[in-house]
Amino acid sequence: MKHRRLITAGIGFLVTVVLIALVRLVDVAPIGAQGTRIGLSHLNQFIFDLFGVNMLWYHITDWLGIAAILTAFVFAVTGLVQLIKRRSLLKVDREILSLGGLYIVVIGLYILFENVIINYRPIIMPDNTHPEASFPSSHTMLVCVIMGSAVMLINKYIKNKTLNKTLRAICFAIIGITIIGRLIAGVHWFTDILGGIMISVTLLSLYKEVISHEK
């Protein structure tokens, strides 16, 4: 289907907007840390009670986040090497340049949602005394976007079939474990993680559309 990725991005964006509206307006109750008011409270409380809090999984997913950042660093170095060798920013692979733009958008969204609070974490984090912004799960968004975009570029840069399949499998595993692990950790509400996923779907669909037109 023509423009399938743009349609997917549009759906992802629409679902994200609707989710934000629901979280802000529907079934809002003071179930959060220090009585912070959380939308879709019955759904979020049910899933939070189902898993509770597991700081081991919080630390595991933190390490997976570091793996994602290292992956982004590898692509950044790749772009820098190309820039040095080719002596022109315009001669750097457009997939890499577009990837840099994608990362900038993710950072911008992180800053935005740190200042425009949709809701707060279900718990007070260690070494903190006040509730923190929780929507979307920035960790989920970061890992999904970085590892998801990495999967798209592995075919271009890794020609060995065995290594190619192995690296893509690792990327998918990191994404899956992060999503499930962050939910089990209990440091986010279910809707926070869902928001992180939907934003990632939107951004990755747009990125795929951009690099497909650049070939």
Protein backbone atom coordinates (compact mmCIF):
# COMPACT_ATOMS: atom_id res chain seq x y z
CA MET A 1 0.00 0.00 0.00
CA LYS A 2 1.31 3.44 -0.97
CA HIS A 3 2.39 5.58 1.99
CA ARG A 4 1.71 2.69 4.39
CA ARG A 5 4.38 3.97 6.77
CA LEU A 6 2.86 7.45 6.83
CA ILE A 7 -0.52 5.92 7.64
CA THR A 8 1.07 3.90 10.46
CA ALA A 9 2.76 7.06 11.77
CA GLY A 10 -0.53 8.94 11.63
CA ILE A 11 -2.34 6.19 13.53
CA GLY A 12 0.45 6.08 16.12
CA PHE A 13 0.26 9.85 16.59
CA LEU A 14 -3.53 9.80 16.86
CA VAL A 15 -3.48 6.99 19.43
CA THR A 16 -0.86 8.91 21.44
CA VAL A 17 -2.99 12.08 21.46
CA VAL A 18 -6.10 10.13 22.47
CA LEU A 19 -4.16 8.32 25.19
CA ILE A 20 -2.91 11.62 26.62
CA ALA A 21 -6.46 12.97 26.65
CA LEU A 22 -7.74 9.85 28.41
CA VAL A 23 -4.98 9.96 31.01
CA ARG A 24 -5.69 13.61 31.72
CA LEU A 25 -9.48 13.48 31.75
CA VAL A 26 -10.89 9.98 32.38
CA ASP A 27 -11.14 8.12 35.70
CA VAL A 28 -8.67 10.46 37.40
CA ALA A 29 -7.97 9.57 41.03
CA PRO A 30 -5.24 10.28 43.67
CA ILE A 31 -3.58 6.85 43.44
CA GLY A 32 -0.03 8.04 42.72
CA ALA A 33 2.88 8.68 45.04
CA GLN A 34 2.02 11.37 47.63
CA GLY A 35 -1.54 11.43 46.34
CA THR A 36 -0.77 12.55 42.79
CA ARG A 37 -3.80 12.24 40.53
CA ILE A 38 -3.57 9.61 37.79
CA GLY A 39 -5.90 9.08 34.83
CA LEU A 40 -7.39 5.71 33.88
CA SER A 41 -6.77 4.97 37.54
CA HIS A 42 -8.62 1.65 37.79
CA LEU A 43 -6.73 0.17 34.82
CA ASN A 44 -3.38 1.53 35.97
CA GLN A 45 -3.89 0.49 39.59
CA PHE A 46 -4.96 -3.03 38.58
CA ILE A 47 -1.84 -3.63 36.49
CA PHE A 48 0.41 -1.99 39.09
CA ASP A 49 -1.01 -4.26 41.83
CA LEU A 50 -0.60 -7.25 39.53
CA PHE A 51 3.18 -6.83 39.29
CA GLY A 52 4.07 -4.62 42.26
CA VAL A 53 7.53 -3.07 42.42
CA ASN A 54 10.66 -4.98 41.41
CA MET A 55 13.82 -2.88 41.52
CA LEU A 56 15.91 -5.72 40.08
CA TRP A 57 14.03 -5.35 36.80
CA TYR A 58 14.42 -1.59 37.06
CA HIS A 59 18.20 -2.01 37.12
CA ILE A 60 18.16 -4.63 34.36
CA THR A 61 16.25 -2.30 32.06
CA ASP A 62 18.58 0.54 33.00
CA TRP A 63 21.51 -1.54 31.72
CA LEU A 64 19.59 -2.27 28.52
CA GLY A 65 19.12 1.47 28.16
CA ILE A 66 22.89 1.87 28.35
CA ALA A 67 23.22 -0.74 25.60
CA ALA A 68 20.86 1.34 23.47
CA ILE A 69 22.88 4.51 24.10
CA LEU A 70 26.06 2.67 23.11
CA THR A 71 24.33 1.58 19.91
CA ALA A 72 23.47 5.21 19.17
CA PHE A 73 27.12 6.09 19.86
CA VAL A 74 28.29 3.52 17.30
CA PHE A 75 26.13 5.14 14.61
CA ALA A 76 27.32 8.59 15.67
CA VAL A 77 30.95 7.47 15.29
CA THR A 78 30.09 5.95 11.91
CA GLY A 79 28.76 9.30 10.78
CA LEU A 80 31.79 11.13 12.14
CA VAL A 81 34.20 8.79 10.35
CA GLN A 82 32.31 9.29 7.10
CA LEU A 83 32.42 13.05 7.59
CA ILE A 84 36.18 13.03 8.15
CA LYS A 85 36.87 10.73 5.19
CA ARG A 86 34.46 12.38 2.75
CA ARG A 87 35.10 15.95 3.95
CA SER A 88 31.51 16.99 3.48
CA LEU A 89 28.41 16.68 5.62
CA LEU A 90 26.35 16.20 2.46
CA LYS A 91 28.37 13.09 1.60
CA VAL A 92 27.57 11.33 4.89
CA ASP A 93 25.05 8.54 4.34
CA ARG A 94 21.60 10.08 4.49
CA GLU A 95 20.38 7.24 6.69
CA ILE A 96 22.92 8.34 9.29
CA LEU A 97 22.05 12.01 8.97
CA SER A 98 18.35 11.20 9.27
CA LEU A 99 19.16 9.04 12.29
CA GLY A 100 20.77 12.05 13.94
CA GLY A 101 17.57 13.99 13.34
CA LEU A 102 15.55 11.14 14.86
CA TYR A 103 17.71 11.19 17.99
CA ILE A 104 17.26 14.96 18.29
CA VAL A 105 13.47 14.55 18.14
CA VAL A 106 13.61 11.93 20.91
CA ILE A 107 15.67 14.26 23.10
CA GLY A 108 13.22 17.07 22.39
CA LEU A 109 10.26 14.91 23.39
CA TYR A 110 12.04 13.90 26.58
CA ILE A 111 12.54 17.55 27.53
CA LEU A 112 8.96 18.39 26.58
CA PHE A 113 7.37 15.71 28.75
CA GLU A 114 9.70 16.49 31.66
CA ASN A 115 8.21 19.98 31.69
CA VAL A 116 4.65 19.28 30.52
CA ILE A 117 3.57 16.77 33.15
CA ILE A 118 0.93 14.27 32.03
CA ASN A 119 1.16 12.17 35.19
CA TYR A 120 3.64 11.05 37.85
CA ARG A 121 5.38 7.81 38.74
CA PRO A 122 3.53 5.33 40.98
CA ILE A 123 6.39 5.40 43.51
CA ILE A 124 8.96 7.81 44.88
CA MET A 125 12.27 6.73 43.40
CA PRO A 126 15.25 5.97 45.68
CA ASP A 127 17.27 9.06 46.63
CA ASN A 128 14.33 11.29 45.74
CA THR A 129 11.75 13.04 47.88
CA HIS A 130 9.07 14.04 45.38
CA PRO A 131 7.11 12.47 42.52
CA GLU A 132 8.71 12.50 39.06
CA ALA A 133 7.15 12.83 35.61
CA SER A 134 6.17 9.43 34.29
CA PHE A 135 4.42 9.80 30.91
CA PRO A 136 5.57 8.57 28.53
CA SER A 137 8.11 6.04 29.72
CA SER A 138 11.14 7.82 28.28
CA HIS A 139 13.22 4.69 28.83
CA THR A 140 10.83 2.63 26.72
CA MET A 141 10.77 5.33 24.03
CA LEU A 142 14.56 5.62 23.98
CA VAL A 143 15.21 1.89 23.68
CA CYS A 144 12.45 1.27 21.13
CA VAL A 145 13.55 4.12 18.87
CA ILE A 146 17.29 3.45 19.02
CA MET A 147 17.12 -0.33 18.68
CA GLY A 148 14.22 -0.21 16.23
CA SER A 149 16.10 2.16 13.92
CA ALA A 150 19.23 0.03 14.34
CA VAL A 151 17.33 -2.96 12.96
CA MET A 152 16.52 -0.93 9.86
CA LEU A 153 20.18 -0.07 9.26
CA ILE A 154 21.78 -3.42 10.03
CA ASN A 155 20.89 -4.74 6.56
CA LYS A 156 22.77 -1.82 5.00
CA TYR A 157 25.94 -2.07 7.05
CA ILE A 158 26.19 -5.75 8.02
CA LYS A 159 26.45 -8.04 5.00
CA ASN A 160 27.37 -11.26 6.83
CA LYS A 161 24.05 -13.12 7.08
CA THR A 162 24.77 -14.83 10.39
CA LEU A 163 25.97 -11.65 12.08
CA ASN A 164 23.10 -9.72 10.51
CA LYS A 165 20.46 -12.06 11.93
CA THR A 166 22.19 -12.23 15.31
CA LEU A 167 22.37 -8.46 15.71
CA ARG A 168 18.77 -7.95 14.66
CA ALA A 169 17.65 -10.65 17.10
CA ILE A 170 19.57 -8.89 19.89
CA CYS A 171 17.90 -5.60 19.03
CA PHE A 172 14.42 -7.15 19.15
CA ALA A 173 15.27 -8.94 22.40
CA ILE A 174 16.41 -5.69 24.04
CA ILE A 175 13.20 -3.98 22.96
CA GLY A 176 10.98 -6.81 24.24
CA ILE A 177 12.79 -7.25 27.55
CA THR A 178 12.78 -3.50 28.16
CA ILE A 179 9.03 -3.16 27.62
CA ILE A 180 8.15 -6.17 29.77
CA GLY A 181 10.84 -5.41 32.35
CA ARG A 182 9.79 -1.80 32.77
CA LEU A 183 6.22 -2.92 33.38
CA ILE A 184 7.29 -5.54 35.92
CA ALA A 185 9.60 -3.03 37.63
CA GLY A 186 6.58 -0.97 38.70
CA VAL A 187 8.25 2.40 38.20
CA HIS A 188 5.76 3.39 35.50
CA TRP A 189 2.04 3.06 35.01
CA PHE A 190 0.83 0.83 32.18
CA THR A 191 -0.33 3.88 30.20
CA ASP A 192 3.17 5.40 30.47
CA ILE A 193 4.70 2.38 28.79
CA LEU A 194 1.94 2.26 26.19
CA GLY A 195 2.60 5.94 25.44
CA GLY A 196 6.31 5.25 24.99
CA ILE A 197 5.52 2.44 22.56
CA MET A 198 3.06 4.47 20.49
CA ILE A 199 5.42 7.45 20.21
CA SER A 200 8.15 5.04 19.10
CA VAL A 201 5.88 3.51 16.46
CA THR A 202 5.16 7.00 15.13
CA LEU A 203 8.80 8.06 14.99
CA LEU A 204 10.10 4.80 13.54
CA SER A 205 7.43 4.79 10.82
CA LEU A 206 8.38 8.34 9.83
CA TYR A 207 12.09 7.45 9.86
CA LYS A 208 11.49 4.39 7.68
CA GLU A 209 9.50 6.52 5.24
CA VAL A 210 12.31 9.09 5.06
CA ILE A 211 15.13 6.61 4.44
CA SER A 212 13.04 4.66 1.94
CA HIS A 213 12.60 7.78 -0.20
CA GLU A 214 16.31 8.48 0.00
CA LYS A 215 17.35 5.28 -1.76
